Amino acid sequence: MIQSELLDIKYKTQILLNEKAEYDLEKYFETVHQIVLDTEKNYKLKFHKADATKKLDKEEDQPA
């Protein structure tokens, strides 16, 4: 597995969020959603959901 300081922080944050949610997936997502809303408000940002159905690379549409 690739290791970096940034990934270590990400994993530790996920563990803390999971513990805060008492290992309940619904509570986890509610907490993360609230963090996003607070971040948008505090920093005057607007996050948009990714569309998983969109292709990331136009080359994928071309035959090999």
PDB file of N, CA and C in Angstrom:
ATOM      1  N   MET A   1       0.833  -1.166   0.000  1.00  0.00           N
ATOM      2  CA  MET A   1       0.000   0.000   0.000  1.00  0.00           C
ATOM      3  C   MET A   1       0.891   1.247   0.000  1.00  0.00           C
ATOM      4  N   ILE A   2       0.458   2.263  -0.720  1.00  0.00           N
ATOM      5  CA  ILE A   2       1.198   3.517  -0.780  1.00  0.00           C
ATOM      6  C   ILE A   2       1.030   4.261   0.547  1.00  0.00           C
ATOM      7  N   GLN A   3       2.123   4.776   1.079  1.00  0.00           N
ATOM      8  CA  GLN A   3       2.091   5.518   2.334  1.00  0.00           C
ATOM      9  C   GLN A   3       2.575   6.941   2.100  1.00  0.00           C
ATOM     10  N   SER A   4       1.902   7.869   2.741  1.00  0.00           N
ATOM     11  CA  SER A   4       2.343   9.261   2.725  1.00  0.00           C
ATOM     12  C   SER A   4       1.753   9.937   3.960  1.00  0.00           C
ATOM     13  N   GLU A   5       2.293  11.095   4.293  1.00  0.00           N
ATOM     14  CA  GLU A   5       1.793  11.827   5.453  1.00  0.00           C
ATOM     15  C   GLU A   5       0.324  12.212   5.257  1.00  0.00           C
ATOM     16  N   LEU A   6      -0.028  12.602   4.040  1.00  0.00           N
ATOM     17  CA  LEU A   6      -1.406  12.993   3.752  1.00  0.00           C
ATOM     18  C   LEU A   6      -2.369  11.813   3.915  1.00  0.00           C
ATOM     19  N   LEU A   7      -1.972  10.649   3.425  1.00  0.00           N
ATOM     20  CA  LEU A   7      -2.822   9.464   3.585  1.00  0.00           C
ATOM     21  C   LEU A   7      -2.959   9.070   5.054  1.00  0.00           C
ATOM     22  N   ASP A   8      -1.887   9.198   5.825  1.00  0.00           N
ATOM     23  CA  ASP A   8      -1.962   8.910   7.260  1.00  0.00           C
ATOM     24  C   ASP A   8      -2.985   9.811   7.942  1.00  0.00           C
ATOM     25  N   ILE A   9      -2.973  11.104   7.596  1.00  0.00           N
ATOM     26  CA  ILE A   9      -3.943  12.041   8.171  1.00  0.00           C
ATOM     27  C   ILE A   9      -5.360  11.663   7.751  1.00  0.00           C
ATOM     28  N   LYS A  10      -5.525  11.280   6.492  1.00  0.00           N
ATOM     29  CA  LYS A  10      -6.841  10.865   5.986  1.00  0.00           C
ATOM     30  C   LYS A  10      -7.356   9.662   6.772  1.00  0.00           C
ATOM     31  N   TYR A  11      -6.520   8.651   6.943  1.00  0.00           N
ATOM     32  CA  TYR A  11      -6.938   7.444   7.659  1.00  0.00           C
ATOM     33  C   TYR A  11      -7.271   7.745   9.122  1.00  0.00           C
ATOM     34  N   LYS A  12      -6.460   8.566   9.765  1.00  0.00           N
ATOM     35  CA  LYS A  12      -6.729   8.923  11.160  1.00  0.00           C
ATOM     36  C   LYS A  12      -8.035   9.694  11.291  1.00  0.00           C
ATOM     37  N   THR A  13      -8.295  10.576  10.325  1.00  0.00           N
ATOM     38  CA  THR A  13      -9.548  11.335  10.330  1.00  0.00           C
ATOM     39  C   THR A  13     -10.732  10.403  10.153  1.00  0.00           C
ATOM     40  N   GLN A  14     -10.623   9.444   9.250  1.00  0.00           N
ATOM     41  CA  GLN A  14     -11.704   8.485   9.044  1.00  0.00           C
ATOM     42  C   GLN A  14     -11.960   7.668  10.308  1.00  0.00           C
ATOM     43  N   ILE A  15     -10.913   7.292  10.992  1.00  0.00           N
ATOM     44  CA  ILE A  15     -11.061   6.531  12.241  1.00  0.00           C
ATOM     45  C   ILE A  15     -11.779   7.377  13.289  1.00  0.00           C
ATOM     46  N   LEU A  16     -11.376   8.645  13.423  1.00  0.00           N
ATOM     47  CA  LEU A  16     -12.025   9.527  14.395  1.00  0.00           C
ATOM     48  C   LEU A  16     -13.500   9.748  14.062  1.00  0.00           C
ATOM     49  N   LEU A  17     -13.802   9.943  12.782  1.00  0.00           N
ATOM     50  CA  LEU A  17     -15.199  10.118  12.376  1.00  0.00           C
ATOM     51  C   LEU A  17     -16.007   8.854  12.650  1.00  0.00           C
ATOM     52  N   ASN A  18     -15.414   7.708  12.398  1.00  0.00           N
ATOM     53  CA  ASN A  18     -16.087   6.435  12.645  1.00  0.00           C
ATOM     54  C   ASN A  18     -16.368   6.246  14.133  1.00  0.00           C
ATOM     55  N   GLU A  19     -15.404   6.585  14.966  1.00  0.00           N
ATOM     56  CA  GLU A  19     -15.603   6.472  16.413  1.00  0.00           C
ATOM     57  C   GLU A  19     -16.681   7.447  16.887  1.00  0.00           C
ATOM     58  N   LYS A  20     -16.655   8.669  16.340  1.00  0.00           N
ATOM     59  CA  LYS A  20     -17.665   9.673  16.703  1.00  0.00           C
ATOM     60  C   LYS A  20     -19.066   9.191  16.325  1.00  0.00           C
ATOM     61  N   ALA A  21     -19.170   8.483  15.209  1.00  0.00           N
ATOM     62  CA  ALA A  21     -20.450   7.960  14.740  1.00  0.00           C
ATOM     63  C   ALA A  21     -20.813   6.639  15.419  1.00  0.00           C
ATOM     64  N   GLU A  22     -19.980   6.195  16.331  1.00  0.00           N
ATOM     65  CA  GLU A  22     -20.207   4.935  17.055  1.00  0.00           C
ATOM     66  C   GLU A  22     -20.359   3.762  16.080  1.00  0.00           C
ATOM     67  N   TYR A  23     -19.544   3.802  15.019  1.00  0.00           N
ATOM     68  CA  TYR A  23     -19.492   2.739  14.011  1.00  0.00           C
ATOM     69  C   TYR A  23     -20.821   2.526  13.289  1.00  0.00           C
ATOM     70  N   ASP A  24     -21.627   3.601  13.214  1.00  0.00           N
ATOM     71  CA  ASP A  24     -22.913   3.586  12.522  1.00  0.00           C
ATOM     72  C   ASP A  24     -22.734   4.356  11.214  1.00  0.00           C
ATOM     73  N   LEU A  25     -22.923   3.668  10.090  1.00  0.00           N
ATOM     74  CA  LEU A  25     -22.675   4.270   8.790  1.00  0.00           C
ATOM     75  C   LEU A  25     -23.560   5.488   8.540  1.00  0.00           C
ATOM     76  N   GLU A  26     -24.810   5.420   8.933  1.00  0.00           N
ATOM     77  CA  GLU A  26     -25.714   6.552   8.727  1.00  0.00           C
ATOM     78  C   GLU A  26     -25.242   7.778   9.512  1.00  0.00           C
ATOM     79  N   LYS A  27     -24.834   7.564  10.767  1.00  0.00           N
ATOM     80  CA  LYS A  27     -24.311   8.674  11.576  1.00  0.00           C
ATOM     81  C   LYS A  27     -23.020   9.216  10.982  1.00  0.00           C
ATOM     82  N   TYR A  28     -22.198   8.329  10.440  1.00  0.00           N
ATOM     83  CA  TYR A  28     -20.936   8.738   9.810  1.00  0.00           C
ATOM     84  C   TYR A  28     -21.220   9.709   8.666  1.00  0.00           C
ATOM     85  N   PHE A  29     -22.156   9.316   7.787  1.00  0.00           N
ATOM     86  CA  PHE A  29     -22.467  10.178   6.643  1.00  0.00           C
ATOM     87  C   PHE A  29     -23.132  11.479   7.076  1.00  0.00           C
ATOM     88  N   GLU A  30     -23.964  11.427   8.118  1.00  0.00           N
ATOM     89  CA  GLU A  30     -24.572  12.652   8.632  1.00  0.00           C
ATOM     90  C   GLU A  30     -23.497  13.613   9.145  1.00  0.00           C
ATOM     91  N   THR A  31     -22.513  13.081   9.840  1.00  0.00           N
ATOM     92  CA  THR A  31     -21.420  13.898  10.371  1.00  0.00           C
ATOM     93  C   THR A  31     -20.610  14.512   9.240  1.00  0.00           C
ATOM     94  N   VAL A  32     -20.259  13.705   8.247  1.00  0.00           N
ATOM     95  CA  VAL A  32     -19.483  14.201   7.121  1.00  0.00           C
ATOM     96  C   VAL A  32     -20.282  15.260   6.350  1.00  0.00           C
ATOM     97  N   HIS A  33     -21.575  15.012   6.165  1.00  0.00           N
ATOM     98  CA  HIS A  33     -22.424  15.976   5.467  1.00  0.00           C
ATOM     99  C   HIS A  33     -22.447  17.312   6.217  1.00  0.00           C
ATOM    100  N   GLN A  34     -22.548  17.248   7.534  1.00  0.00           N
ATOM    101  CA  GLN A  34     -22.559  18.477   8.331  1.00  0.00           C
ATOM    102  C   GLN A  34     -21.220  19.213   8.227  1.00  0.00           C
ATOM    103  N   ILE A  35     -20.132  18.470   8.191  1.00  0.00           N
ATOM    104  CA  ILE A  35     -18.818  19.092   8.019  1.00  0.00           C
ATOM    105  C   ILE A  35     -18.753  19.823   6.682  1.00  0.00           C
ATOM    106  N   VAL A  36     -19.278  19.209   5.642  1.00  0.00           N
ATOM    107  CA  VAL A  36     -19.292  19.843   4.315  1.00  0.00           C
ATOM    108  C   VAL A  36     -20.116  21.126   4.357  1.00  0.00           C
ATOM    109  N   LEU A  37     -21.303  21.067   4.959  1.00  0.00           N
ATOM    110  CA  LEU A  37     -22.149  22.258   5.044  1.00  0.00           C
ATOM    111  C   LEU A  37     -21.465  23.377   5.826  1.00  0.00           C
ATOM    112  N   ASP A  38     -20.848  23.028   6.935  1.00  0.00           N
ATOM    113  CA  ASP A  38     -20.138  24.023   7.748  1.00  0.00           C
ATOM    114  C   ASP A  38     -18.965  24.635   6.974  1.00  0.00           C
ATOM    115  N   THR A  39     -18.249  23.802   6.239  1.00  0.00           N
ATOM    116  CA  THR A  39     -17.111  24.279   5.450  1.00  0.00           C
ATOM    117  C   THR A  39     -17.582  25.231   4.355  1.00  0.00           C
ATOM    118  N   GLU A  40     -18.681  24.863   3.686  1.00  0.00           N
ATOM    119  CA  GLU A  40     -19.229  25.747   2.655  1.00  0.00           C
ATOM    120  C   GLU A  40     -19.589  27.105   3.240  1.00  0.00           C
ATOM    121  N   LYS A  41     -20.241  27.089   4.383  1.00  0.00           N
ATOM    122  CA  LYS A  41     -20.675  28.332   5.023  1.00  0.00           C
ATOM    123  C   LYS A  41     -19.479  29.162   5.492  1.00  0.00           C
ATOM    124  N   ASN A  42     -18.547  28.543   6.179  1.00  0.00           N
ATOM    125  CA  ASN A  42     -17.410  29.268   6.757  1.00  0.00           C
ATOM    126  C   ASN A  42     -16.450  29.838   5.715  1.00  0.00           C
ATOM    127  N   TYR A  43     -16.295  29.128   4.611  1.00  0.00           N
ATOM    128  CA  TYR A  43     -15.318  29.549   3.607  1.00  0.00           C
ATOM    129  C   TYR A  43     -15.959  30.040   2.313  1.00  0.00           C
ATOM    130  N   LYS A  44     -17.295  30.184   2.331  1.00  0.00           N
ATOM    131  CA  LYS A  44     -18.043  30.662   1.159  1.00  0.00           C
ATOM    132  C   LYS A  44     -17.712  29.840  -0.087  1.00  0.00           C
ATOM    133  N   LEU A  45     -17.783  28.532   0.079  1.00  0.00           N
ATOM    134  CA  LEU A  45     -17.536  27.586  -1.006  1.00  0.00           C
ATOM    135  C   LEU A  45     -18.829  26.873  -1.354  1.00  0.00           C
ATOM    136  N   LYS A  46     -18.851  26.213  -2.511  1.00  0.00           N
ATOM    137  CA  LYS A  46     -19.974  25.360  -2.866  1.00  0.00           C
ATOM    138  C   LYS A  46     -19.422  24.085  -3.484  1.00  0.00           C
ATOM    139  N   PHE A  47     -19.632  22.972  -2.796  1.00  0.00           N
ATOM    140  CA  PHE A  47     -19.203  21.674  -3.306  1.00  0.00           C
ATOM    141  C   PHE A  47     -20.338  21.060  -4.111  1.00  0.00           C
ATOM    142  N   HIS A  48     -19.992  20.345  -5.159  1.00  0.00           N
ATOM    143  CA  HIS A  48     -20.979  19.671  -5.993  1.00  0.00           C
ATOM    144  C   HIS A  48     -20.705  18.174  -5.953  1.00  0.00           C
ATOM    145  N   LYS A  49     -21.762  17.407  -5.981  1.00  0.00           N
ATOM    146  CA  LYS A  49     -21.618  15.953  -6.001  1.00  0.00           C
ATOM    147  C   LYS A  49     -21.034  15.523  -7.343  1.00  0.00           C
ATOM    148  N   ALA A  50     -20.193  14.524  -7.306  1.00  0.00           N
ATOM    149  CA  ALA A  50     -19.638  13.961  -8.538  1.00  0.00           C
ATOM    150  C   ALA A  50     -20.691  13.084  -9.198  1.00  0.00           C
ATOM    151  N   ASP A  51     -20.675  13.054 -10.504  1.00  0.00           N
ATOM    152  CA  ASP A  51     -21.577  12.199 -11.261  1.00  0.00           C
ATOM    153  C   ASP A  51     -20.809  10.935 -11.639  1.00  0.00           C
ATOM    154  N   ALA A  52     -21.111   9.859 -10.965  1.00  0.00           N
ATOM    155  CA  ALA A  52     -20.376   8.607 -11.177  1.00  0.00           C
ATOM    156  C   ALA A  52     -20.641   8.004 -12.545  1.00  0.00           C
ATOM    157  N   THR A  53     -21.660   8.495 -13.246  1.00  0.00           N
ATOM    158  CA  THR A  53     -21.975   7.930 -14.557  1.00  0.00           C
ATOM    159  C   THR A  53     -21.172   8.580 -15.674  1.00  0.00           C
ATOM    160  N   LYS A  54     -20.521   9.715 -15.382  1.00  0.00           N
ATOM    161  CA  LYS A  54     -19.738  10.398 -16.411  1.00  0.00           C
ATOM    162  C   LYS A  54     -18.379   9.731 -16.582  1.00  0.00           C
ATOM    163  N   LYS A  55     -17.920   9.703 -17.813  1.00  0.00           N
ATOM    164  CA  LYS A  55     -16.584   9.186 -18.110  1.00  0.00           C
ATOM    165  C   LYS A  55     -15.564  10.244 -17.730  1.00  0.00           C
ATOM    166  N   LEU A  56     -14.447   9.810 -17.162  1.00  0.00           N
ATOM    167  CA  LEU A  56     -13.403  10.738 -16.757  1.00  0.00           C
ATOM    168  C   LEU A  56     -12.484  11.082 -17.924  1.00  0.00           C
ATOM    169  N   ASP A  57     -12.339  10.166 -18.863  1.00  0.00           N
ATOM    170  CA  ASP A  57     -11.391  10.348 -19.946  1.00  0.00           C
ATOM    171  C   ASP A  57     -12.098  10.072 -21.264  1.00  0.00           C
ATOM    172  N   LYS A  58     -12.040  11.011 -22.197  1.00  0.00           N
ATOM    173  CA  LYS A  58     -12.714  10.830 -23.476  1.00  0.00           C
ATOM    174  C   LYS A  58     -12.137   9.676 -24.273  1.00  0.00           C
ATOM    175  N   GLU A  59     -10.900   9.295 -23.992  1.00  0.00           N
ATOM    176  CA  GLU A  59     -10.291   8.183 -24.711  1.00  0.00           C
ATOM    177  C   GLU A  59     -11.015   6.862 -24.417  1.00  0.00           C
ATOM    178  N   GLU A  60     -11.730   6.788 -23.318  1.00  0.00           N
ATOM    179  CA  GLU A  60     -12.449   5.558 -22.982  1.00  0.00           C
ATOM    180  C   GLU A  60     -13.558   5.280 -24.007  1.00  0.00           C
ATOM    181  N   ASP A  61     -14.048   6.328 -24.653  1.00  0.00           N
ATOM    182  CA  ASP A  61     -15.124   6.165 -25.635  1.00  0.00           C
ATOM    183  C   ASP A  61     -14.614   5.645 -26.980  1.00  0.00           C
ATOM    184  N   GLN A  62     -13.322   5.739 -27.206  1.00  0.00           N
ATOM    185  CA  GLN A  62     -12.751   5.350 -28.487  1.00  0.00           C
ATOM    186  C   GLN A  62     -12.340   3.881 -28.467  1.00  0.00           C
ATOM    187  N   PRO A  63     -12.629   3.161 -29.542  1.00  0.00           N
ATOM    188  CA  PRO A  63     -12.197   1.751 -29.602  1.00  0.00           C
ATOM    189  C   PRO A  63     -10.678   1.653 -29.690  1.00  0.00           C
ATOM    190  N   ALA A  64     -10.147   0.559 -29.197  1.00  0.00           N
ATOM    191  CA  ALA A  64      -8.688   0.342 -29.175  1.00  0.00           C
ATOM    192  C   ALA A  64      -8.166  -0.037 -30.527  1.00  0.00           C
TER     193      ALA A  64
END
